[in-house]
């Protein structure tokens, strides 16, 4: 099916960075058979809710390939705003690709409106 991630720890020390920096990265990776079924949106909502409600984060961010229109729609549906366009910044299947960075602040997150 796929994977999801909410990264808030320093891999070396396992120190809880959420309390120190107040932000985290979220991501989702789905196999083709799981595309278009709403799983990424559902996972994104759960990760945002966990980050803001449980970890009390200030900001959560994500990135996607600029050519991945489905992922762009998911992030925008979650209420995230496009904050940056980085050129040739990520390697995707052996090619350097552009990416968009999206972010959302705790006071912008409304889990009731997102259901």
N, C-alpha and C. Protein backbone atom coordinates (compact mmCIF):
# COMPACT_ATOMS: atom_id res chain seq x y z
N UNK A 1 0.82 -1.18 0.00
CA UNK A 1 0.00 0.00 0.00
C UNK A 1 0.87 1.25 0.00
N UNK A 2 1.70 1.44 1.06
CA UNK A 2 2.53 2.63 1.13
C UNK A 2 3.03 2.90 2.52
N UNK A 3 3.61 4.07 2.72
CA UNK A 3 4.15 4.49 4.01
C UNK A 3 3.75 5.93 4.28
N UNK A 4 3.80 6.30 5.57
CA UNK A 4 3.65 7.70 5.95
C UNK A 4 4.67 7.99 7.03
N UNK A 5 4.98 9.26 7.21
CA UNK A 5 6.01 9.64 8.17
C UNK A 5 5.67 10.99 8.79
N UNK A 6 6.00 11.11 10.06
CA UNK A 6 5.97 12.39 10.76
C UNK A 6 7.30 12.46 11.48
N UNK A 7 8.24 13.23 10.98
CA UNK A 7 9.60 13.23 11.49
C UNK A 7 9.83 14.40 12.44
N UNK A 8 10.09 14.06 13.71
CA UNK A 8 10.34 15.10 14.71
C UNK A 8 11.52 14.77 15.61
N UNK A 9 12.26 13.72 15.32
CA UNK A 9 13.39 13.36 16.17
C UNK A 9 14.70 13.47 15.41
N UNK A 10 15.75 13.71 16.16
CA UNK A 10 17.10 13.70 15.61
C UNK A 10 17.52 12.23 15.53
N UNK A 11 17.77 11.69 14.33
CA UNK A 11 18.10 10.27 14.21
C UNK A 11 19.30 9.85 15.05
N UNK A 12 20.25 10.76 15.25
CA UNK A 12 21.44 10.42 16.02
C UNK A 12 21.19 10.32 17.51
N UNK A 13 20.52 11.30 18.07
CA UNK A 13 20.34 11.35 19.52
C UNK A 13 18.97 10.90 19.98
N UNK A 14 18.01 10.81 19.07
CA UNK A 14 16.61 10.50 19.40
C UNK A 14 15.99 11.55 20.30
N UNK A 15 16.60 12.73 20.32
CA UNK A 15 16.07 13.84 21.11
C UNK A 15 14.76 14.32 20.49
N UNK A 16 13.80 14.63 21.33
CA UNK A 16 12.49 15.10 20.86
C UNK A 16 12.62 16.53 20.37
N UNK A 17 12.74 16.68 19.06
CA UNK A 17 12.92 18.01 18.48
C UNK A 17 11.62 18.80 18.40
N UNK A 18 10.48 18.13 18.51
CA UNK A 18 9.20 18.83 18.42
C UNK A 18 9.13 19.95 19.45
N UNK A 19 9.59 19.67 20.65
CA UNK A 19 9.52 20.68 21.71
C UNK A 19 10.55 21.80 21.50
N UNK A 20 11.63 21.47 20.83
CA UNK A 20 12.70 22.45 20.62
C UNK A 20 12.40 23.35 19.43
N UNK A 21 12.05 22.76 18.30
CA UNK A 21 11.87 23.57 17.09
C UNK A 21 10.41 23.82 16.73
N UNK A 22 9.47 23.08 17.33
CA UNK A 22 8.05 23.35 17.12
C UNK A 22 7.52 23.05 15.74
N UNK A 23 8.26 22.26 14.96
CA UNK A 23 7.77 21.92 13.62
C UNK A 23 8.20 20.51 13.24
N UNK A 24 7.51 19.97 12.25
CA UNK A 24 7.83 18.63 11.77
C UNK A 24 7.51 18.52 10.29
N UNK A 25 8.15 17.55 9.67
CA UNK A 25 7.91 17.19 8.27
C UNK A 25 6.95 16.01 8.23
N UNK A 26 5.98 16.04 7.33
CA UNK A 26 5.13 14.87 7.10
C UNK A 26 5.26 14.44 5.65
N UNK A 27 5.02 13.19 5.40
CA UNK A 27 5.07 12.69 4.04
C UNK A 27 4.27 11.41 3.90
N UNK A 28 3.97 11.05 2.68
CA UNK A 28 3.23 9.83 2.38
C UNK A 28 3.74 9.30 1.05
N UNK A 29 3.78 8.00 0.94
CA UNK A 29 4.28 7.34 -0.26
C UNK A 29 3.36 6.16 -0.53
N UNK A 30 2.61 6.20 -1.61
CA UNK A 30 1.63 5.16 -1.91
C UNK A 30 1.99 4.41 -3.18
N UNK A 31 1.75 3.10 -3.17
CA UNK A 31 1.90 2.30 -4.37
C UNK A 31 0.78 2.63 -5.35
N UNK A 32 1.03 2.39 -6.63
CA UNK A 32 0.05 2.73 -7.67
C UNK A 32 -1.34 2.19 -7.40
N UNK A 33 -1.44 1.00 -6.84
CA UNK A 33 -2.74 0.40 -6.56
C UNK A 33 -3.55 1.15 -5.52
N UNK A 34 -2.89 2.04 -4.79
CA UNK A 34 -3.57 2.82 -3.74
C UNK A 34 -3.84 4.26 -4.15
N UNK A 35 -3.46 4.64 -5.36
CA UNK A 35 -3.67 6.01 -5.82
C UNK A 35 -5.16 6.28 -6.05
N UNK A 36 -5.57 7.52 -5.81
CA UNK A 36 -6.92 7.96 -6.14
C UNK A 36 -8.01 7.42 -5.24
N UNK A 37 -7.66 6.89 -4.08
CA UNK A 37 -8.65 6.32 -3.17
C UNK A 37 -8.83 7.13 -1.90
N UNK A 38 -8.16 8.28 -1.82
CA UNK A 38 -8.30 9.14 -0.65
C UNK A 38 -7.40 8.80 0.52
N UNK A 39 -6.52 7.80 0.35
CA UNK A 39 -5.65 7.39 1.45
C UNK A 39 -4.68 8.49 1.86
N UNK A 40 -4.09 9.18 0.90
CA UNK A 40 -3.11 10.22 1.23
C UNK A 40 -3.77 11.35 2.01
N UNK A 41 -4.98 11.73 1.62
CA UNK A 41 -5.70 12.78 2.34
C UNK A 41 -6.02 12.33 3.75
N UNK A 42 -6.47 11.09 3.90
CA UNK A 42 -6.80 10.55 5.22
C UNK A 42 -5.56 10.49 6.12
N UNK A 43 -4.46 10.01 5.58
CA UNK A 43 -3.21 9.95 6.34
C UNK A 43 -2.73 11.36 6.68
N UNK A 44 -2.81 12.27 5.72
CA UNK A 44 -2.40 13.65 5.97
C UNK A 44 -3.19 14.29 7.09
N UNK A 45 -4.50 14.09 7.11
CA UNK A 45 -5.33 14.64 8.19
C UNK A 45 -4.91 14.06 9.54
N UNK A 46 -4.67 12.75 9.56
CA UNK A 46 -4.27 12.11 10.81
C UNK A 46 -2.92 12.64 11.29
N UNK A 47 -1.97 12.81 10.37
CA UNK A 47 -0.65 13.33 10.76
C UNK A 47 -0.74 14.78 11.24
N UNK A 48 -1.54 15.60 10.57
CA UNK A 48 -1.70 16.99 11.00
C UNK A 48 -2.37 17.05 12.36
N UNK A 49 -3.40 16.25 12.55
CA UNK A 49 -4.09 16.23 13.84
C UNK A 49 -3.14 15.79 14.95
N UNK A 50 -2.37 14.74 14.71
CA UNK A 50 -1.41 14.26 15.70
C UNK A 50 -0.37 15.34 16.00
N UNK A 51 0.15 15.95 14.97
CA UNK A 51 1.19 16.97 15.15
C UNK A 51 0.70 18.18 15.92
N UNK A 52 -0.48 18.67 15.58
CA UNK A 52 -0.98 19.88 16.24
C UNK A 52 -1.64 19.57 17.59
N UNK A 53 -2.43 18.50 17.67
CA UNK A 53 -3.17 18.21 18.89
C UNK A 53 -2.34 17.50 19.95
N UNK A 54 -1.51 16.54 19.55
CA UNK A 54 -0.74 15.77 20.52
C UNK A 54 0.65 16.36 20.77
N UNK A 55 1.35 16.70 19.70
CA UNK A 55 2.71 17.21 19.85
C UNK A 55 2.76 18.72 20.06
N UNK A 56 1.63 19.39 19.84
CA UNK A 56 1.53 20.85 20.03
C UNK A 56 2.53 21.60 19.14
N UNK A 57 2.71 21.13 17.92
CA UNK A 57 3.62 21.79 16.99
C UNK A 57 3.07 23.13 16.55
N UNK A 58 3.95 24.02 16.17
CA UNK A 58 3.57 25.32 15.62
C UNK A 58 3.36 25.21 14.11
N UNK A 59 4.20 24.42 13.44
CA UNK A 59 4.20 24.37 11.97
C UNK A 59 4.48 22.95 11.51
N UNK A 60 3.80 22.55 10.44
CA UNK A 60 4.05 21.26 9.80
C UNK A 60 4.25 21.52 8.32
N UNK A 61 5.24 20.86 7.73
CA UNK A 61 5.53 21.09 6.32
C UNK A 61 5.65 19.76 5.57
N UNK A 62 5.54 19.86 4.25
CA UNK A 62 5.67 18.71 3.37
C UNK A 62 6.22 19.19 2.03
N UNK A 63 6.72 18.27 1.23
CA UNK A 63 7.17 18.63 -0.11
C UNK A 63 6.60 17.62 -1.10
N UNK A 64 6.53 18.03 -2.35
CA UNK A 64 6.12 17.12 -3.41
C UNK A 64 6.77 17.54 -4.72
N UNK A 65 6.90 16.59 -5.62
CA UNK A 65 7.39 16.84 -6.97
C UNK A 65 6.42 17.81 -7.65
N UNK A 66 6.93 18.80 -8.33
CA UNK A 66 6.06 19.79 -8.98
C UNK A 66 5.18 19.15 -10.06
N UNK A 67 5.58 18.00 -10.57
CA UNK A 67 4.79 17.33 -11.60
C UNK A 67 3.77 16.35 -11.04
N UNK A 68 3.72 16.22 -9.72
CA UNK A 68 2.78 15.31 -9.07
C UNK A 68 1.51 16.08 -8.69
N UNK A 69 0.63 16.27 -9.66
CA UNK A 69 -0.57 17.08 -9.44
C UNK A 69 -1.49 16.47 -8.39
N UNK A 70 -1.51 15.15 -8.25
CA UNK A 70 -2.35 14.53 -7.23
C UNK A 70 -1.87 14.90 -5.84
N UNK A 71 -0.56 14.90 -5.64
CA UNK A 71 -0.01 15.27 -4.34
C UNK A 71 -0.23 16.75 -4.04
N UNK A 72 -0.10 17.59 -5.05
CA UNK A 72 -0.39 19.02 -4.89
C UNK A 72 -1.83 19.19 -4.40
N UNK A 73 -2.78 18.46 -5.02
CA UNK A 73 -4.19 18.56 -4.61
C UNK A 73 -4.38 18.10 -3.17
N UNK A 74 -3.71 17.02 -2.78
CA UNK A 74 -3.83 16.52 -1.41
C UNK A 74 -3.37 17.59 -0.43
N UNK A 75 -2.20 18.15 -0.64
CA UNK A 75 -1.65 19.14 0.29
C UNK A 75 -2.54 20.37 0.37
N UNK A 76 -3.06 20.81 -0.75
CA UNK A 76 -3.95 21.98 -0.74
C UNK A 76 -5.29 21.64 -0.09
N UNK A 77 -5.78 20.43 -0.29
CA UNK A 77 -7.03 19.99 0.36
C UNK A 77 -6.87 19.97 1.88
N UNK A 78 -5.66 19.68 2.34
CA UNK A 78 -5.38 19.67 3.78
C UNK A 78 -5.27 21.07 4.36
N UNK A 79 -5.32 22.08 3.51
CA UNK A 79 -5.22 23.46 3.98
C UNK A 79 -3.80 24.00 4.00
N UNK A 80 -2.88 23.24 3.44
CA UNK A 80 -1.49 23.69 3.42
C UNK A 80 -1.29 24.70 2.29
N UNK A 81 -0.37 25.62 2.51
CA UNK A 81 -0.07 26.66 1.52
C UNK A 81 1.28 26.41 0.87
N UNK A 82 1.36 26.69 -0.42
CA UNK A 82 2.64 26.56 -1.10
C UNK A 82 3.54 27.69 -0.62
N UNK A 83 4.71 27.32 -0.09
CA UNK A 83 5.64 28.29 0.47
C UNK A 83 6.89 28.47 -0.38
N UNK A 84 7.22 27.47 -1.19
CA UNK A 84 8.46 27.57 -1.96
C UNK A 84 8.42 26.65 -3.17
N UNK A 85 9.25 27.00 -4.15
CA UNK A 85 9.48 26.18 -5.34
C UNK A 85 10.99 26.06 -5.46
N UNK A 86 11.52 24.87 -5.19
CA UNK A 86 12.95 24.64 -5.28
C UNK A 86 13.26 23.93 -6.59
N UNK A 87 14.16 24.50 -7.36
CA UNK A 87 14.53 23.95 -8.66
C UNK A 87 15.58 22.86 -8.52
N UNK A 88 15.36 21.76 -9.25
CA UNK A 88 16.32 20.64 -9.30
C UNK A 88 16.85 20.31 -7.91
N UNK A 89 15.95 20.09 -6.96
CA UNK A 89 16.36 19.93 -5.57
C UNK A 89 16.16 18.53 -5.00
N UNK A 90 15.44 17.66 -5.72
CA UNK A 90 15.23 16.30 -5.23
C UNK A 90 15.50 15.30 -6.36
N UNK A 91 16.04 14.17 -5.98
CA UNK A 91 16.30 13.11 -6.94
C UNK A 91 15.09 12.18 -6.96
N UNK A 92 14.47 12.03 -8.13
CA UNK A 92 13.32 11.13 -8.30
C UNK A 92 13.65 10.19 -9.45
N UNK A 93 13.78 8.92 -9.13
CA UNK A 93 14.07 7.88 -10.12
C UNK A 93 15.25 8.26 -11.03
N UNK A 94 16.31 8.76 -10.41
CA UNK A 94 17.54 9.07 -11.13
C UNK A 94 17.60 10.42 -11.80
N UNK A 95 16.54 11.21 -11.69
CA UNK A 95 16.51 12.54 -12.30
C UNK A 95 16.35 13.62 -11.23
N UNK A 96 17.06 14.73 -11.42
CA UNK A 96 16.87 15.88 -10.53
C UNK A 96 15.57 16.56 -10.91
N UNK A 97 14.72 16.78 -9.91
CA UNK A 97 13.40 17.34 -10.15
C UNK A 97 13.17 18.56 -9.27
N UNK A 98 12.26 19.42 -9.72
CA UNK A 98 11.81 20.55 -8.92
C UNK A 98 10.83 20.03 -7.86
N UNK A 99 10.74 20.75 -6.75
CA UNK A 99 9.75 20.39 -5.74
C UNK A 99 9.08 21.64 -5.19
N UNK A 100 7.85 21.46 -4.74
CA UNK A 100 7.13 22.49 -4.00
C UNK A 100 7.22 22.14 -2.53
N UNK A 101 7.33 23.17 -1.68
CA UNK A 101 7.25 22.99 -0.24
C UNK A 101 5.95 23.63 0.21
N UNK A 102 5.20 22.87 0.99
CA UNK A 102 3.92 23.34 1.54
C UNK A 102 4.03 23.39 3.05
N UNK A 103 3.30 24.30 3.68
CA UNK A 103 3.30 24.39 5.13
C UNK A 103 1.95 24.84 5.66
N UNK A 104 1.74 24.54 6.92
CA UNK A 104 0.53 24.97 7.61
C UNK A 104 0.88 25.25 9.07
N UNK A 105 0.30 26.30 9.61
CA UNK A 105 0.50 26.68 11.01
C UNK A 105 -0.65 26.15 11.86
N UNK A 106 -0.38 25.95 13.14
CA UNK A 106 -1.41 25.42 14.04
C UNK A 106 -2.69 26.25 13.99
N UNK A 107 -2.57 27.58 13.97
CA UNK A 107 -3.78 28.40 13.99
C UNK A 107 -4.52 28.39 12.65
N UNK A 108 -3.94 27.79 11.62
CA UNK A 108 -4.62 27.64 10.33
C UNK A 108 -5.32 26.29 10.21
N UNK A 109 -4.99 25.36 11.09
CA UNK A 109 -5.51 24.00 11.04
C UNK A 109 -6.88 23.94 11.70
N UNK A 110 -7.85 23.49 10.95
CA UNK A 110 -9.21 23.32 11.48
C UNK A 110 -9.66 21.91 11.14
N UNK A 111 -9.45 20.95 12.06
CA UNK A 111 -9.77 19.56 11.74
C UNK A 111 -11.25 19.32 11.44
N UNK A 112 -12.14 20.09 12.03
CA UNK A 112 -13.57 19.92 11.77
C UNK A 112 -13.90 20.26 10.32
N UNK A 113 -13.33 21.36 9.81
CA UNK A 113 -13.59 21.79 8.43
C UNK A 113 -12.98 20.84 7.42
N UNK A 114 -12.02 20.04 7.84
CA UNK A 114 -11.31 19.17 6.91
C UNK A 114 -11.96 17.80 6.75
N UNK A 115 -12.99 17.50 7.51
CA UNK A 115 -13.63 16.17 7.45
C UNK A 115 -14.50 16.05 6.22
